[in-house]
C-alpha atoms as a PDB file:
ATOM      1  CA  MET A   1      16.188   7.077  16.420  1.00  0.00           C
ATOM      2  CA  ILE A   2      14.048   4.898  14.182  1.00  0.00           C
ATOM      3  CA  SER A   3      15.785   3.732  11.005  1.00  0.00           C
ATOM      4  CA  LYS A   4      13.745   3.316   7.818  1.00  0.00           C
ATOM      5  CA  GLN A   5      15.738   0.182   6.938  1.00  0.00           C
ATOM      6  CA  ASP A   6      14.289  -1.607   9.994  1.00  0.00           C
ATOM      7  CA  LEU A   7      10.684  -0.876   9.014  1.00  0.00           C
ATOM      8  CA  THR A   8       8.094  -2.289   6.622  1.00  0.00           C
ATOM      9  CA  SER A   9       5.979   0.015   4.459  1.00  0.00           C
ATOM     10  CA  ILE A  10       2.321  -0.909   4.921  1.00  0.00           C
ATOM     11  CA  GLY A  11       0.361   1.971   3.422  1.00  0.00           C
ATOM     12  CA  LYS A  12      -0.292   5.654   3.051  1.00  0.00           C
ATOM     13  CA  THR A  13      -2.318   8.357   4.752  1.00  0.00           C
ATOM     14  CA  ILE A  14      -4.916   9.602   2.272  1.00  0.00           C
ATOM     15  CA  LYS A  15      -7.039  12.474   3.595  1.00  0.00           C
ATOM     16  CA  PRO A  16      -8.644  13.890   6.741  1.00  0.00           C
ATOM     17  CA  HIS A  17     -12.086  12.567   7.627  1.00  0.00           C
ATOM     18  CA  GLY A  18     -14.225  15.047   9.506  1.00  0.00           C
ATOM     19  CA  ILE A  19     -12.952  17.793  11.792  1.00  0.00           C
ATOM     20  CA  SER A  20     -11.744  15.797  14.811  1.00  0.00           C
ATOM     21  CA  GLY A  21      -8.395  14.598  13.433  1.00  0.00           C
ATOM     22  CA  GLU A  22      -9.464  11.284  11.947  1.00  0.00           C
ATOM     23  CA  ILE A  23      -7.479  10.221   8.852  1.00  0.00           C
ATOM     24  CA  LEU A  24      -8.417   7.852   6.049  1.00  0.00           C
ATOM     25  CA  CYS A  25      -5.513   5.431   5.576  1.00  0.00           C
ATOM     26  CA  GLU A  26      -4.997   2.896   2.807  1.00  0.00           C
ATOM     27  CA  PHE A  27      -3.035  -0.222   3.677  1.00  0.00           C
ATOM     28  CA  SER A  28      -1.226  -2.738   1.501  1.00  0.00           C
ATOM     29  CA  LEU A  29      -2.337  -5.614   3.737  1.00  0.00           C
ATOM     30  CA  VAL A  30      -5.313  -6.418   5.910  1.00  0.00           C
ATOM     31  CA  ILE A  31      -5.073  -4.790   9.336  1.00  0.00           C
ATOM     32  CA  ASP A  32      -7.748  -5.472  11.919  1.00  0.00           C
ATOM     33  CA  ASP A  33      -8.170  -5.918  15.674  1.00  0.00           C
ATOM     34  CA  ASP A  34      -6.189  -9.194  15.581  1.00  0.00           C
ATOM     35  CA  ASN A  35      -2.969  -7.654  14.239  1.00  0.00           C
ATOM     36  CA  LEU A  36      -3.386  -3.940  14.987  1.00  0.00           C
ATOM     37  CA  PRO A  37      -0.102  -2.465  16.266  1.00  0.00           C
ATOM     38  CA  LYS A  38      -0.114   0.051  19.139  1.00  0.00           C
ATOM     39  CA  TYR A  39       1.366   2.683  16.843  1.00  0.00           C
ATOM     40  CA  LEU A  40       2.067   3.397  13.196  1.00  0.00           C
ATOM     41  CA  ILE A  41       5.237   5.081  12.016  1.00  0.00           C
ATOM     42  CA  ILE A  42       4.865   7.918   9.532  1.00  0.00           C
ATOM     43  CA  ASP A  43       7.665   9.317   7.409  1.00  0.00           C
ATOM     44  CA  ASP A  44       7.442  13.012   8.250  1.00  0.00           C
ATOM     45  CA  GLU A  45       9.955  14.784   5.989  1.00  0.00           C
ATOM     46  CA  GLY A  46      12.542  12.011   6.367  1.00  0.00           C
ATOM     47  CA  ILE A  47      12.035  11.562  10.111  1.00  0.00           C
ATOM     48  CA  MET A  48      10.343   8.337  11.154  1.00  0.00           C
ATOM     49  CA  VAL A  49       7.788   9.367  13.805  1.00  0.00           C
ATOM     50  CA  PRO A  50       5.664   6.876  15.784  1.00  0.00           C
ATOM     51  CA  PHE A  51       2.009   7.894  16.178  1.00  0.00           C
ATOM     52  CA  PHE A  52       0.040   5.969  18.791  1.00  0.00           C
ATOM     53  CA  ILE A  53      -3.374   4.787  17.628  1.00  0.00           C
ATOM     54  CA  GLU A  54      -6.273   6.164  19.629  1.00  0.00           C
ATOM     55  CA  ASN A  55      -9.072   4.778  17.459  1.00  0.00           C
ATOM     56  CA  PHE A  56      -9.151   2.446  14.448  1.00  0.00           C
ATOM     57  CA  ARG A  57     -12.307   1.908  12.364  1.00  0.00           C
ATOM     58  CA  GLY A  58     -12.081  -0.417   9.386  1.00  0.00           C
ATOM     59  CA  LYS A  59     -13.671   1.115   6.279  1.00  0.00           C
ATOM     60  CA  ALA A  60     -12.983  -1.615   3.733  1.00  0.00           C
ATOM     61  CA  LYS A  61     -10.658  -4.569   3.474  1.00  0.00           C
ATOM     62  CA  PHE A  62      -7.558  -2.429   2.893  1.00  0.00           C
ATOM     63  CA  SER A  63      -8.556   0.930   4.362  1.00  0.00           C
ATOM     64  CA  ALA A  64      -9.517   2.380   7.724  1.00  0.00           C
ATOM     65  CA  PHE A  65     -10.228   5.606   9.555  1.00  0.00           C
ATOM     66  CA  VAL A  66      -7.473   6.145  12.121  1.00  0.00           C
ATOM     67  CA  THR A  67      -7.273   8.641  14.973  1.00  0.00           C
ATOM     68  CA  PHE A  68      -3.848   9.202  16.506  1.00  0.00           C
ATOM     69  CA  GLU A  69      -3.093  10.533  19.967  1.00  0.00           C
ATOM     70  CA  HIS A  70      -2.511  14.326  19.969  1.00  0.00           C
ATOM     71  CA  ILE A  71      -3.936  14.721  16.439  1.00  0.00           C
ATOM     72  CA  ASP A  72      -7.283  16.229  17.304  1.00  0.00           C
ATOM     73  CA  ASP A  73      -8.286  18.608  14.526  1.00  0.00           C
ATOM     74  CA  GLU A  74      -8.525  18.698  10.756  1.00  0.00           C
ATOM     75  CA  ALA A  75      -5.449  20.925  10.309  1.00  0.00           C
ATOM     76  CA  ALA A  76      -3.202  18.547  12.253  1.00  0.00           C
ATOM     77  CA  ALA A  77      -4.632  15.566  10.343  1.00  0.00           C
ATOM     78  CA  ARG A  78      -4.097  17.322   6.989  1.00  0.00           C
ATOM     79  CA  ARG A  79      -0.365  17.779   7.755  1.00  0.00           C
ATOM     80  CA  LEU A  80      -0.036  13.986   8.002  1.00  0.00           C
ATOM     81  CA  CYS A  81      -1.857  13.205   4.758  1.00  0.00           C
ATOM     82  CA  GLY A  82      -0.118  11.882   1.665  1.00  0.00           C
ATOM     83  CA  LYS A  83       2.642  10.286   3.731  1.00  0.00           C
ATOM     84  CA  GLU A  84       3.913   6.721   3.782  1.00  0.00           C
ATOM     85  CA  ILE A  85       2.994   4.529   6.764  1.00  0.00           C
ATOM     86  CA  PHE A  86       5.471   2.035   8.233  1.00  0.00           C
ATOM     87  CA  THR A  87       5.516  -0.498  11.037  1.00  0.00           C
ATOM     88  CA  ASP A  88       8.093  -2.461  12.964  1.00  0.00           C
ATOM     89  CA  VAL A  89       5.553  -5.205  13.723  1.00  0.00           C
ATOM     90  CA  ASP A  90       6.081  -8.628  12.147  1.00  0.00           C
ATOM     91  CA  PHE A  91       2.790  -9.503  10.431  1.00  0.00           C
ATOM     92  CA  ASP A  92       3.895 -13.092   9.731  1.00  0.00           C
ATOM     93  CA  ARG A  93       3.365 -14.212  13.341  1.00  0.00           C
ATOM     94  CA  ASN A  94       1.410 -17.411  14.069  1.00  0.00           C
ATOM     95  CA  ASP A  95       2.652 -18.816  10.742  1.00  0.00           C
ATOM     96  CA  GLU A  96      -0.227 -17.135   8.940  1.00  0.00           C
ATOM     97  CA  ILE A  97       0.394 -15.636   5.539  1.00  0.00           C
ATOM     98  CA  PRO A  98      -0.774 -12.028   5.473  1.00  0.00           C
ATOM     99  CA  GLU A  99      -3.274 -11.045   2.825  1.00  0.00           C
ATOM    100  CA  TYR A 100      -2.000  -8.205   0.665  1.00  0.00           C
ATOM    101  CA  GLY A 101      -3.933  -5.730  -1.451  1.00  0.00           C
ATOM    102  CA  LEU A 102      -2.979  -4.718  -4.972  1.00  0.00           C
ATOM    103  CA  SER A 103      -1.486  -1.463  -3.666  1.00  0.00           C
ATOM    104  CA  PHE A 104       1.276  -3.627  -2.185  1.00  0.00           C
ATOM    105  CA  LEU A 105       2.500  -4.155  -5.777  1.00  0.00           C
ATOM    106  CA  VAL A 106       3.116  -0.453  -6.508  1.00  0.00           C
ATOM    107  CA  GLY A 107       6.852  -0.150  -7.083  1.00  0.00           C
ATOM    108  CA  PHE A 108       7.198  -3.687  -8.459  1.00  0.00           C
ATOM    109  CA  ALA A 109       8.669  -4.134 -11.942  1.00  0.00           C
ATOM    110  CA  ILE A 110       6.717  -6.008 -14.607  1.00  0.00           C
ATOM    111  CA  VAL A 111       8.735  -8.366 -16.791  1.00  0.00           C
ATOM    112  CA  ASP A 112       6.860 -10.075 -19.611  1.00  0.00           C
ATOM    113  CA  LYS A 113       7.833 -13.268 -21.417  1.00  0.00           C
ATOM    114  CA  HIS A 114       7.330 -11.675 -24.862  1.00  0.00           C
ATOM    115  CA  HIS A 115       7.951  -7.952 -24.221  1.00  0.00           C
ATOM    116  CA  GLY A 116      10.743  -8.046 -21.627  1.00  0.00           C
ATOM    117  CA  ASN A 117      10.926  -5.351 -18.958  1.00  0.00           C
ATOM    118  CA  ILE A 118       7.780  -3.237 -19.256  1.00  0.00           C
ATOM    119  CA  GLY A 119       8.599  -0.954 -16.329  1.00  0.00           C
ATOM    120  CA  GLU A 120       7.657  -0.154 -12.761  1.00  0.00           C
ATOM    121  CA  ILE A 121       4.073  -0.064 -11.475  1.00  0.00           C
ATOM    122  CA  THR A 122       3.288   3.499 -10.416  1.00  0.00           C
ATOM    123  CA  ASP A 123      -0.404   3.076  -9.625  1.00  0.00           C
ATOM    124  CA  ILE A 124      -3.345   0.678  -9.628  1.00  0.00           C
ATOM    125  CA  ASP A 125      -6.426   1.614 -11.692  1.00  0.00           C
ATOM    126  CA  ASP A 126      -9.426  -0.135 -10.185  1.00  0.00           C
ATOM    127  CA  SER A 127     -12.018   2.326 -11.471  1.00  0.00           C
ATOM    128  CA  THR A 128     -13.490  -0.278 -13.840  1.00  0.00           C
ATOM    129  CA  ILE A 129     -14.337  -3.959 -13.523  1.00  0.00           C
ATOM    130  CA  ASN A 130     -10.925  -4.813 -15.023  1.00  0.00           C
ATOM    131  CA  THR A 131      -8.168  -3.767 -12.637  1.00  0.00           C
ATOM    132  CA  LEU A 132      -5.050  -2.449 -14.365  1.00  0.00           C
ATOM    133  CA  PHE A 133      -1.432  -1.835 -13.396  1.00  0.00           C
ATOM    134  CA  VAL A 134      -0.333   1.658 -14.433  1.00  0.00           C
ATOM    135  CA  VAL A 135       3.213   1.545 -15.827  1.00  0.00           C
ATOM    136  CA  GLY A 136       4.085   5.019 -17.126  1.00  0.00           C
ATOM    137  CA  ASN A 137       1.606   5.587 -19.980  1.00  0.00           C
ATOM    138  CA  THR A 138       0.937   1.863 -20.353  1.00  0.00           C
ATOM    139  CA  LEU A 139      -1.955  -0.028 -18.783  1.00  0.00           C
ATOM    140  CA  VAL A 140      -1.335  -3.709 -18.037  1.00  0.00           C
ATOM    141  CA  PRO A 141      -4.188  -6.019 -16.992  1.00  0.00           C
ATOM    142  CA  ALA A 142      -3.809  -7.127 -13.370  1.00  0.00           C
ATOM    143  CA  HIS A 143      -5.437 -10.453 -14.114  1.00  0.00           C
ATOM    144  CA  GLU A 144      -4.146 -13.670 -12.568  1.00  0.00           C
ATOM    145  CA  GLU A 145      -4.464 -15.387 -15.959  1.00  0.00           C
ATOM    146  CA  PHE A 146      -1.523 -13.272 -17.240  1.00  0.00           C
ATOM    147  CA  ILE A 147       0.629 -13.330 -14.075  1.00  0.00           C
ATOM    148  CA  THR A 148       2.989 -16.299 -13.963  1.00  0.00           C
ATOM    149  CA  GLU A 149       4.976 -15.403 -10.824  1.00  0.00           C
ATOM    150  CA  ILE A 150       5.343 -12.681  -8.209  1.00  0.00           C
ATOM    151  CA  ASP A 151       8.813 -12.419  -6.667  1.00  0.00           C
ATOM    152  CA  THR A 152       8.296 -10.327  -3.514  1.00  0.00           C
ATOM    153  CA  ASN A 153      12.012 -10.395  -2.641  1.00  0.00           C
ATOM    154  CA  GLN A 154      13.135  -8.935  -5.978  1.00  0.00           C
ATOM    155  CA  ARG A 155       9.866  -6.943  -6.330  1.00  0.00           C
ATOM    156  CA  ILE A 156       9.164  -8.315  -9.825  1.00  0.00           C
ATOM    157  CA  ILE A 157       5.923  -9.532 -11.398  1.00  0.00           C
ATOM    158  CA  TYR A 158       6.438 -11.976 -14.265  1.00  0.00           C
ATOM    159  CA  THR A 159       3.702 -12.046 -16.890  1.00  0.00           C
ATOM    160  CA  THR A 160       2.795 -13.709 -20.148  1.00  0.00           C
ATOM    161  CA  LEU A 161       0.668 -11.127 -21.936  1.00  0.00           C
ATOM    162  CA  PRO A 162      -1.145 -11.911 -25.193  1.00  0.00           C
ATOM    163  CA  GLU A 163       0.676 -10.794 -28.328  1.00  0.00           C
ATOM    164  CA  GLY A 164      -0.335  -7.271 -29.383  1.00  0.00           C
ATOM    165  CA  LEU A 165      -1.946  -6.353 -26.049  1.00  0.00           C
ATOM    166  CA  LEU A 166       0.573  -3.579 -25.371  1.00  0.00           C
ATOM    167  CA  ASP A 167       0.215  -2.243 -28.937  1.00  0.00           C
ATOM    168  CA  ILE A 168      -3.316  -1.008 -28.240  1.00  0.00           C
END
């Protein structure tokens, strides 16, 4: 049995694409032909299930259309949507540093020099030119000018936000 503790979360299934079982997936790091695992593990109601990749078409830097073996219609694809994707593959091979997308930071806490603990990032708003971290009802600019450190082990982003920015 696959244990969740031995896995790394790398994304989420978003929605079916077409009627042949293809699924749009969003990843927290760049996945391409060079580091594509043979299977992805999906948390299906608490059970970690490996799904072997039949076809993988990159859509954008952090998203792709994926077809899994034995998932061959829209209904089967829809049952897998909205679920977390994991892998047991080590993406740090060849001493290369993986490139992560902003969605990787969802779940990180934001601690500011002036405001203290702001809270946990629940979403990324990239609908405008200025990308924002969504922290409850607060929007925090995701601009490198304000980020002083990212501690991936503790899952904390340290910032120095301008005075009064959170009062808006």
